[in-house]
């Protein structure tokens, strides 16, 4: 019951976000955590719709997007929903491939705070810190690597947190 309430709430947030921003990408991601469990994540991206900064001469470009995602944590018997503003720094590329770095801090809600007697997150609410690097192709598709850290920042105790590394593919819509 609790899990379906959390998922329903996040889907409502994602639906409201899509009325403000147009969905411009869908991401499929596979990861592995410091708890030796696999994760599978499905995300929707909503572009900010403008360049935030550009270096002189058209070199590096700072942009961003909102990322709304659902993650299944296989061996931890938990799911999470997240919403994170992401900032991307793209560099001039060659041959139609543009390298980029990304970072963001957002929020996630876990269906369970005590993850399979291995890790107690202290609360269902967690901050999501994310760093990544990838390649964008002329088609708009992307491949990349990401590192995540989830923690409640000491709002509740204990605050053991969980980390994961992931590979992803983003398809433009």
C-alpha atoms as a PDB file:
ATOM      1  CA  UNK A   1       0.000   0.000   0.000  1.00  0.00           C
ATOM      2  CA  UNK A   2       2.764   2.421   1.003  1.00  0.00           C
ATOM      3  CA  UNK A   3       4.762   1.669  -2.158  1.00  0.00           C
ATOM      4  CA  UNK A   4       1.762   2.284  -4.450  1.00  0.00           C
ATOM      5  CA  UNK A   5       1.006   5.586  -2.657  1.00  0.00           C
ATOM      6  CA  UNK A   6       4.595   6.776  -3.177  1.00  0.00           C
ATOM      7  CA  UNK A   7       4.613   5.706  -6.834  1.00  0.00           C
ATOM      8  CA  UNK A   8       1.223   7.365  -7.447  1.00  0.00           C
ATOM      9  CA  UNK A   9       2.431  10.613  -5.853  1.00  0.00           C
ATOM     10  CA  UNK A  10       5.563  10.725  -7.963  1.00  0.00           C
ATOM     11  CA  UNK A  11       3.665   9.961 -11.158  1.00  0.00           C
ATOM     12  CA  UNK A  12       1.394  12.920 -10.348  1.00  0.00           C
ATOM     13  CA  UNK A  13       4.450  15.164  -9.913  1.00  0.00           C
ATOM     14  CA  UNK A  14       5.862  13.906 -13.213  1.00  0.00           C
ATOM     15  CA  UNK A  15       2.520  14.584 -14.961  1.00  0.00           C
ATOM     16  CA  UNK A  16       2.457  18.152 -13.588  1.00  0.00           C
ATOM     17  CA  UNK A  17       6.065  18.650 -14.698  1.00  0.00           C
ATOM     18  CA  UNK A  18       5.237  17.492 -18.210  1.00  0.00           C
ATOM     19  CA  UNK A  19       2.601  20.221 -18.516  1.00  0.00           C
ATOM     20  CA  UNK A  20       5.265  22.849 -17.715  1.00  0.00           C
ATOM     21  CA  UNK A  21       8.142  21.279 -19.656  1.00  0.00           C
ATOM     22  CA  UNK A  22       7.934  19.040 -22.727  1.00  0.00           C
ATOM     23  CA  UNK A  23       9.396  15.549 -22.296  1.00  0.00           C
ATOM     24  CA  UNK A  24      12.463  15.455 -24.511  1.00  0.00           C
ATOM     25  CA  UNK A  25      14.159  12.210 -23.504  1.00  0.00           C
ATOM     26  CA  UNK A  26      13.707   8.813 -21.901  1.00  0.00           C
ATOM     27  CA  UNK A  27      16.559   7.054 -20.111  1.00  0.00           C
ATOM     28  CA  UNK A  28      17.187   3.395 -19.336  1.00  0.00           C
ATOM     29  CA  UNK A  29      19.902   2.783 -16.764  1.00  0.00           C
ATOM     30  CA  UNK A  30      21.499  -0.219 -15.071  1.00  0.00           C
ATOM     31  CA  UNK A  31      23.550   0.152 -11.913  1.00  0.00           C
ATOM     32  CA  UNK A  32      25.236  -1.549  -8.971  1.00  0.00           C
ATOM     33  CA  UNK A  33      25.329  -0.340  -5.351  1.00  0.00           C
ATOM     34  CA  UNK A  34      27.757  -0.414  -2.440  1.00  0.00           C
ATOM     35  CA  UNK A  35      25.315  -2.999  -0.994  1.00  0.00           C
ATOM     36  CA  UNK A  36      26.121  -5.359  -3.899  1.00  0.00           C
ATOM     37  CA  UNK A  37      22.668  -5.104  -5.402  1.00  0.00           C
ATOM     38  CA  UNK A  38      21.644  -4.298  -8.944  1.00  0.00           C
ATOM     39  CA  UNK A  39      19.393  -1.398  -9.867  1.00  0.00           C
ATOM     40  CA  UNK A  40      17.254  -0.664 -12.882  1.00  0.00           C
ATOM     41  CA  UNK A  41      16.116   2.908 -13.525  1.00  0.00           C
ATOM     42  CA  UNK A  42      13.694   4.469 -15.986  1.00  0.00           C
ATOM     43  CA  UNK A  43      13.779   8.253 -16.306  1.00  0.00           C
ATOM     44  CA  UNK A  44      12.085  11.081 -18.168  1.00  0.00           C
ATOM     45  CA  UNK A  45      13.921  14.299 -18.997  1.00  0.00           C
ATOM     46  CA  UNK A  46      12.457  17.797 -19.379  1.00  0.00           C
ATOM     47  CA  UNK A  47      14.915  20.284 -20.895  1.00  0.00           C
ATOM     48  CA  UNK A  48      15.281  23.730 -19.262  1.00  0.00           C
ATOM     49  CA  UNK A  49      14.761  25.138 -22.773  1.00  0.00           C
ATOM     50  CA  UNK A  50      17.614  27.627 -22.709  1.00  0.00           C
ATOM     51  CA  UNK A  51      21.377  27.924 -22.515  1.00  0.00           C
ATOM     52  CA  UNK A  52      22.516  29.007 -19.050  1.00  0.00           C
ATOM     53  CA  UNK A  53      26.048  29.995 -20.095  1.00  0.00           C
ATOM     54  CA  UNK A  54      28.321  29.743 -23.126  1.00  0.00           C
ATOM     55  CA  UNK A  55      32.056  30.387 -23.318  1.00  0.00           C
ATOM     56  CA  UNK A  56      33.421  32.962 -25.723  1.00  0.00           C
ATOM     57  CA  UNK A  57      33.879  31.595 -29.222  1.00  0.00           C
ATOM     58  CA  UNK A  58      31.131  28.967 -28.881  1.00  0.00           C
ATOM     59  CA  UNK A  59      33.181  26.436 -26.905  1.00  0.00           C
ATOM     60  CA  UNK A  60      31.727  25.008 -23.711  1.00  0.00           C
ATOM     61  CA  UNK A  61      27.966  25.293 -23.126  1.00  0.00           C
ATOM     62  CA  UNK A  62      26.108  25.037 -19.789  1.00  0.00           C
ATOM     63  CA  UNK A  63      22.525  23.796 -20.024  1.00  0.00           C
ATOM     64  CA  UNK A  64      20.238  21.648 -17.992  1.00  0.00           C
ATOM     65  CA  UNK A  65      17.144  19.527 -17.605  1.00  0.00           C
ATOM     66  CA  UNK A  66      14.808  18.092 -14.980  1.00  0.00           C
ATOM     67  CA  UNK A  67      15.121  14.335 -14.517  1.00  0.00           C
ATOM     68  CA  UNK A  68      12.197  12.364 -13.047  1.00  0.00           C
ATOM     69  CA  UNK A  69      12.937   8.709 -12.410  1.00  0.00           C
ATOM     70  CA  UNK A  70      11.766   5.393 -11.017  1.00  0.00           C
ATOM     71  CA  UNK A  71      14.450   3.019  -9.676  1.00  0.00           C
ATOM     72  CA  UNK A  72      14.032  -0.601  -8.610  1.00  0.00           C
ATOM     73  CA  UNK A  73      16.649  -1.767  -6.083  1.00  0.00           C
ATOM     74  CA  UNK A  74      16.560  -5.546  -6.699  1.00  0.00           C
ATOM     75  CA  UNK A  75      18.059  -7.234  -3.626  1.00  0.00           C
ATOM     76  CA  UNK A  76      17.120  -4.391  -1.267  1.00  0.00           C
ATOM     77  CA  UNK A  77      13.384  -4.939  -1.855  1.00  0.00           C
ATOM     78  CA  UNK A  78      12.787  -1.250  -2.417  1.00  0.00           C
ATOM     79  CA  UNK A  79      11.790   1.204  -5.131  1.00  0.00           C
ATOM     80  CA  UNK A  80      12.456   4.913  -5.311  1.00  0.00           C
ATOM     81  CA  UNK A  81      11.123   7.897  -7.188  1.00  0.00           C
ATOM     82  CA  UNK A  82      13.268  10.950  -7.755  1.00  0.00           C
ATOM     83  CA  UNK A  83      13.172  14.443  -9.213  1.00  0.00           C
ATOM     84  CA  UNK A  84      16.500  16.178  -9.824  1.00  0.00           C
ATOM     85  CA  UNK A  85      17.540  19.323 -11.692  1.00  0.00           C
ATOM     86  CA  UNK A  86      20.609  18.398 -13.731  1.00  0.00           C
ATOM     87  CA  UNK A  87      23.223  20.797 -15.082  1.00  0.00           C
ATOM     88  CA  UNK A  88      25.280  19.760 -18.111  1.00  0.00           C
ATOM     89  CA  UNK A  89      28.548  21.229 -19.327  1.00  0.00           C
ATOM     90  CA  UNK A  90      29.070  20.260 -22.993  1.00  0.00           C
ATOM     91  CA  UNK A  91      32.382  20.616 -24.806  1.00  0.00           C
ATOM     92  CA  UNK A  92      33.077  21.001 -28.532  1.00  0.00           C
ATOM     93  CA  UNK A  93      33.203  17.556 -30.103  1.00  0.00           C
ATOM     94  CA  UNK A  94      34.491  15.947 -33.258  1.00  0.00           C
ATOM     95  CA  UNK A  95      32.667  13.815 -35.798  1.00  0.00           C
ATOM     96  CA  UNK A  96      29.203  14.509 -34.414  1.00  0.00           C
ATOM     97  CA  UNK A  97      30.018  13.363 -30.866  1.00  0.00           C
ATOM     98  CA  UNK A  98      29.821  15.886 -28.027  1.00  0.00           C
ATOM     99  CA  UNK A  99      31.376  14.992 -24.646  1.00  0.00           C
ATOM    100  CA  UNK A 100      29.727  16.396 -21.504  1.00  0.00           C
ATOM    101  CA  UNK A 101      29.794  16.399 -17.708  1.00  0.00           C
ATOM    102  CA  UNK A 102      26.665  16.581 -15.561  1.00  0.00           C
ATOM    103  CA  UNK A 103      25.798  17.177 -11.912  1.00  0.00           C
ATOM    104  CA  UNK A 104      22.686  17.683  -9.820  1.00  0.00           C
ATOM    105  CA  UNK A 105      21.154  17.539  -6.362  1.00  0.00           C
ATOM    106  CA  UNK A 106      17.518  16.559  -6.011  1.00  0.00           C
ATOM    107  CA  UNK A 107      15.097  14.556  -3.905  1.00  0.00           C
ATOM    108  CA  UNK A 108      14.119  10.898  -3.805  1.00  0.00           C
ATOM    109  CA  UNK A 109      11.459   8.960  -1.920  1.00  0.00           C
ATOM    110  CA  UNK A 110      12.170   5.311  -1.106  1.00  0.00           C
ATOM    111  CA  UNK A 111       9.387   2.780  -0.550  1.00  0.00           C
ATOM    112  CA  UNK A 112      11.400   1.326   2.356  1.00  0.00           C
ATOM    113  CA  UNK A 113      13.852   3.084   4.655  1.00  0.00           C
ATOM    114  CA  UNK A 114      15.274  -0.116   6.155  1.00  0.00           C
ATOM    115  CA  UNK A 115      16.863  -1.837   3.186  1.00  0.00           C
ATOM    116  CA  UNK A 116      16.804  -5.610   3.720  1.00  0.00           C
ATOM    117  CA  UNK A 117      18.400  -5.435   7.215  1.00  0.00           C
ATOM    118  CA  UNK A 118      21.633  -4.238   5.574  1.00  0.00           C
ATOM    119  CA  UNK A 119      21.218  -0.493   5.631  1.00  0.00           C
ATOM    120  CA  UNK A 120      18.900   1.839   7.542  1.00  0.00           C
ATOM    121  CA  UNK A 121      18.419   5.079   5.639  1.00  0.00           C
ATOM    122  CA  UNK A 122      16.630   6.651   8.620  1.00  0.00           C
ATOM    123  CA  UNK A 123      13.776   8.013   6.491  1.00  0.00           C
ATOM    124  CA  UNK A 124      12.011   7.393   3.209  1.00  0.00           C
ATOM    125  CA  UNK A 125      12.994  10.899   2.031  1.00  0.00           C
ATOM    126  CA  UNK A 126      16.544  11.102   0.684  1.00  0.00           C
ATOM    127  CA  UNK A 127      18.607  13.689  -1.145  1.00  0.00           C
ATOM    128  CA  UNK A 128      19.975  12.459  -4.475  1.00  0.00           C
ATOM    129  CA  UNK A 129      23.462  13.719  -5.382  1.00  0.00           C
ATOM    130  CA  UNK A 130      24.581  12.822  -8.862  1.00  0.00           C
ATOM    131  CA  UNK A 131      27.720  13.197 -11.029  1.00  0.00           C
ATOM    132  CA  UNK A 132      28.074  11.925 -14.570  1.00  0.00           C
ATOM    133  CA  UNK A 133      29.953  11.992 -17.845  1.00  0.00           C
ATOM    134  CA  UNK A 134      28.833  10.981 -21.290  1.00  0.00           C
ATOM    135  CA  UNK A 135      28.740  11.372 -25.040  1.00  0.00           C
ATOM    136  CA  UNK A 136      25.900  12.977 -27.032  1.00  0.00           C
ATOM    137  CA  UNK A 137      25.475  12.003 -30.685  1.00  0.00           C
ATOM    138  CA  UNK A 138      24.058  14.140 -33.512  1.00  0.00           C
ATOM    139  CA  UNK A 139      20.803  12.140 -33.255  1.00  0.00           C
ATOM    140  CA  UNK A 140      20.413  13.453 -29.679  1.00  0.00           C
ATOM    141  CA  UNK A 141      20.996   9.999 -28.151  1.00  0.00           C
ATOM    142  CA  UNK A 142      23.418   9.775 -25.215  1.00  0.00           C
ATOM    143  CA  UNK A 143      25.472   7.117 -23.449  1.00  0.00           C
ATOM    144  CA  UNK A 144      27.235   7.702 -20.174  1.00  0.00           C
ATOM    145  CA  UNK A 145      28.276   6.825 -16.649  1.00  0.00           C
ATOM    146  CA  UNK A 146      26.784   8.172 -13.421  1.00  0.00           C
ATOM    147  CA  UNK A 147      27.584   8.050  -9.729  1.00  0.00           C
ATOM    148  CA  UNK A 148      24.779   8.557  -7.181  1.00  0.00           C
ATOM    149  CA  UNK A 149      24.760   9.146  -3.439  1.00  0.00           C
ATOM    150  CA  UNK A 150      21.524   8.991  -1.423  1.00  0.00           C
ATOM    151  CA  UNK A 151      21.375  10.379   2.102  1.00  0.00           C
ATOM    152  CA  UNK A 152      18.896  12.234   4.300  1.00  0.00           C
ATOM    153  CA  UNK A 153      21.623  14.742   5.317  1.00  0.00           C
ATOM    154  CA  UNK A 154      21.147  13.942   9.010  1.00  0.00           C
ATOM    155  CA  UNK A 155      17.474  14.989   9.104  1.00  0.00           C
ATOM    156  CA  UNK A 156      16.684  11.594  10.693  1.00  0.00           C
ATOM    157  CA  UNK A 157      18.954   9.056  12.369  1.00  0.00           C
ATOM    158  CA  UNK A 158      20.523   6.781  11.383  1.00  0.00           C
ATOM    159  CA  UNK A 159      21.748   8.288   8.152  1.00  0.00           C
ATOM    160  CA  UNK A 160      23.673   5.428   6.557  1.00  0.00           C
ATOM    161  CA  UNK A 161      22.982   6.389   2.931  1.00  0.00           C
ATOM    162  CA  UNK A 162      23.565   4.290  -0.156  1.00  0.00           C
ATOM    163  CA  UNK A 163      25.749   4.768  -3.270  1.00  0.00           C
ATOM    164  CA  UNK A 164      25.483   3.401  -6.783  1.00  0.00           C
ATOM    165  CA  UNK A 165      27.345   3.554 -10.078  1.00  0.00           C
ATOM    166  CA  UNK A 166      25.422   3.164 -13.318  1.00  0.00           C
ATOM    167  CA  UNK A 167      25.617   3.130 -17.109  1.00  0.00           C
ATOM    168  CA  UNK A 168      22.801   4.634 -19.132  1.00  0.00           C
ATOM    169  CA  UNK A 169      21.347   5.205 -22.567  1.00  0.00           C
ATOM    170  CA  UNK A 170      19.132   8.228 -23.251  1.00  0.00           C
ATOM    171  CA  UNK A 171      16.873   8.282 -26.274  1.00  0.00           C
ATOM    172  CA  UNK A 172      15.540  11.628 -27.507  1.00  0.00           C
ATOM    173  CA  UNK A 173      11.791  12.095 -27.919  1.00  0.00           C
END
